[in-house]
C-alpha atoms as a PDB file:
ATOM      1  CA  MET A   1      -9.092  -7.237  -9.626  1.00  0.00           C
ATOM      2  CA  ALA A   2      -9.996  -3.505  -8.529  1.00  0.00           C
ATOM      3  CA  TRP A   3     -12.976  -2.066  -9.669  1.00  0.00           C
ATOM      4  CA  VAL A   4     -11.765   1.098  -8.864  1.00  0.00           C
ATOM      5  CA  ARG A   5     -10.433   2.698 -12.493  1.00  0.00           C
ATOM      6  CA  ILE A   6      -7.106   4.186 -11.488  1.00  0.00           C
ATOM      7  CA  PRO A   7      -6.028   6.760 -13.589  1.00  0.00           C
ATOM      8  CA  ALA A   8      -2.787   6.334 -15.302  1.00  0.00           C
ATOM      9  CA  ASP A   9       0.150   8.655 -14.116  1.00  0.00           C
ATOM     10  CA  SER A  10      -0.504  11.505 -17.224  1.00  0.00           C
ATOM     11  CA  GLU A  11      -4.614  11.739 -16.215  1.00  0.00           C
ATOM     12  CA  ALA A  12      -3.465  12.424 -11.548  1.00  0.00           C
ATOM     13  CA  ASP A  13      -3.944  15.313 -10.707  1.00  0.00           C
ATOM     14  CA  ASP A  14      -1.355  17.224  -8.585  1.00  0.00           C
ATOM     15  CA  GLU A  15      -2.485  15.304  -5.139  1.00  0.00           C
ATOM     16  CA  LEU A  16      -2.789  11.626  -6.702  1.00  0.00           C
ATOM     17  CA  ARG A  17       0.388  12.701  -8.588  1.00  0.00           C
ATOM     18  CA  ALA A  18       2.281  13.805  -5.116  1.00  0.00           C
ATOM     19  CA  ALA A  19       1.576  10.810  -3.747  1.00  0.00           C
ATOM     20  CA  LEU A  20       2.428   8.594  -6.473  1.00  0.00           C
ATOM     21  CA  ALA A  21       5.609  10.317  -6.619  1.00  0.00           C
ATOM     22  CA  ASP A  22       6.347   9.892  -2.647  1.00  0.00           C
ATOM     23  CA  VAL A  23       5.296   6.257  -2.992  1.00  0.00           C
ATOM     24  CA  ARG A  24       7.825   5.609  -5.677  1.00  0.00           C
ATOM     25  CA  ALA A  25      10.663   7.580  -3.742  1.00  0.00           C
ATOM     26  CA  ARG A  26       9.932   5.449  -1.080  1.00  0.00           C
ATOM     27  CA  ARG A  27       9.359   1.841  -2.108  1.00  0.00           C
ATOM     28  CA  GLY A  28      10.644   1.476  -5.892  1.00  0.00           C
ATOM     29  CA  THR A  29       6.907   1.105  -7.403  1.00  0.00           C
ATOM     30  CA  VAL A  30       3.170   1.063  -6.420  1.00  0.00           C
ATOM     31  CA  ALA A  31       1.868  -1.977  -6.367  1.00  0.00           C
ATOM     32  CA  ASN A  32      -2.347  -2.251  -6.988  1.00  0.00           C
ATOM     33  CA  ILE A  33      -2.956  -2.111  -3.277  1.00  0.00           C
ATOM     34  CA  VAL A  34      -1.937   1.192  -3.106  1.00  0.00           C
ATOM     35  CA  ALA A  35      -3.008   2.453  -6.167  1.00  0.00           C
ATOM     36  CA  VAL A  36      -6.930   1.813  -5.599  1.00  0.00           C
ATOM     37  CA  HIS A  37      -6.493   4.744  -3.344  1.00  0.00           C
ATOM     38  CA  SER A  38      -5.596   6.920  -6.146  1.00  0.00           C
ATOM     39  CA  LEU A  39      -9.526   8.639  -5.760  1.00  0.00           C
ATOM     40  CA  LYS A  40      -8.385   9.696  -2.242  1.00  0.00           C
ATOM     41  CA  PRO A  41      -4.402  10.125  -2.312  1.00  0.00           C
ATOM     42  CA  SER A  42      -4.010  11.257   1.555  1.00  0.00           C
ATOM     43  CA  THR A  43      -5.423   7.031   2.106  1.00  0.00           C
ATOM     44  CA  MET A  44      -2.621   6.203  -0.346  1.00  0.00           C
ATOM     45  CA  LEU A  45       0.093   7.814   2.037  1.00  0.00           C
ATOM     46  CA  ALA A  46      -1.977   6.693   4.931  1.00  0.00           C
ATOM     47  CA  HIS A  47      -2.058   3.082   3.645  1.00  0.00           C
ATOM     48  CA  VAL A  48       1.416   3.140   3.486  1.00  0.00           C
ATOM     49  CA  ALA A  49       2.569   4.704   6.540  1.00  0.00           C
ATOM     50  CA  LEU A  50       0.658   2.145   8.549  1.00  0.00           C
ATOM     51  CA  TYR A  51       2.189  -0.774   6.670  1.00  0.00           C
ATOM     52  CA  ARG A  52       5.505   0.791   7.359  1.00  0.00           C
ATOM     53  CA  ASP A  53       4.716   1.298  10.633  1.00  0.00           C
ATOM     54  CA  ILE A  54       3.005  -2.466  11.297  1.00  0.00           C
ATOM     55  CA  MET A  55       5.869  -4.007   9.382  1.00  0.00           C
ATOM     56  CA  PHE A  56       8.645  -2.552  10.528  1.00  0.00           C
ATOM     57  CA  GLY A  57       8.228   0.036  13.679  1.00  0.00           C
ATOM     58  CA  ARG A  58       9.509  -1.317  16.848  1.00  0.00           C
ATOM     59  CA  SER A  59       7.999  -4.384  18.489  1.00  0.00           C
ATOM     60  CA  GLU A  60       8.752  -7.859  19.953  1.00  0.00           C
ATOM     61  CA  LEU A  61       7.713 -10.352  16.792  1.00  0.00           C
ATOM     62  CA  THR A  62      10.320 -10.167  14.393  1.00  0.00           C
ATOM     63  CA  ARG A  63       9.796  -9.133  10.789  1.00  0.00           C
ATOM     64  CA  THR A  64       9.369 -13.191   9.255  1.00  0.00           C
ATOM     65  CA  GLU A  65       6.861 -13.622  12.437  1.00  0.00           C
ATOM     66  CA  ARG A  66       5.270 -10.705  10.807  1.00  0.00           C
ATOM     67  CA  GLU A  67       5.243 -11.550   7.262  1.00  0.00           C
ATOM     68  CA  ALA A  68       3.940 -15.060   8.554  1.00  0.00           C
ATOM     69  CA  LEU A  69       1.036 -13.428  10.534  1.00  0.00           C
ATOM     70  CA  ALA A  70       0.135 -11.068   7.287  1.00  0.00           C
ATOM     71  CA  VAL A  71       0.454 -14.298   5.275  1.00  0.00           C
ATOM     72  CA  ALA A  72      -1.715 -16.401   7.679  1.00  0.00           C
ATOM     73  CA  VAL A  73      -4.657 -13.799   7.962  1.00  0.00           C
ATOM     74  CA  SER A  74      -4.635 -12.923   4.107  1.00  0.00           C
ATOM     75  CA  ALA A  75      -5.247 -17.180   3.333  1.00  0.00           C
ATOM     76  CA  VAL A  76      -8.236 -16.989   6.730  1.00  0.00           C
ATOM     77  CA  ASN A  77      -9.454 -14.081   4.182  1.00  0.00           C
ATOM     78  CA  GLU A  78      -8.842 -16.158   0.793  1.00  0.00           C
ATOM     79  CA  CYS A  79      -6.781 -13.035  -0.428  1.00  0.00           C
ATOM     80  CA  HIS A  80      -4.090 -14.377  -2.912  1.00  0.00           C
ATOM     81  CA  TYR A  81      -3.071 -11.119  -2.566  1.00  0.00           C
END
């Protein structure tokens, strides 16, 4: 659960509304882990860009291996997300 208040779309300023629209266009939805960046929309877009590069960019690791590493790191960090 986030401690950051995530505004409703109707409360979003132009910058946040544009960032949310960009994320929705690419992902179909805005996950809570991305929405917590609502206070600074530029970090929201940077978060999504970093995720795409890590998971889909050129690498010797397969997508399955990348996901397995993410799950292992989350388990070590006791992150259930």
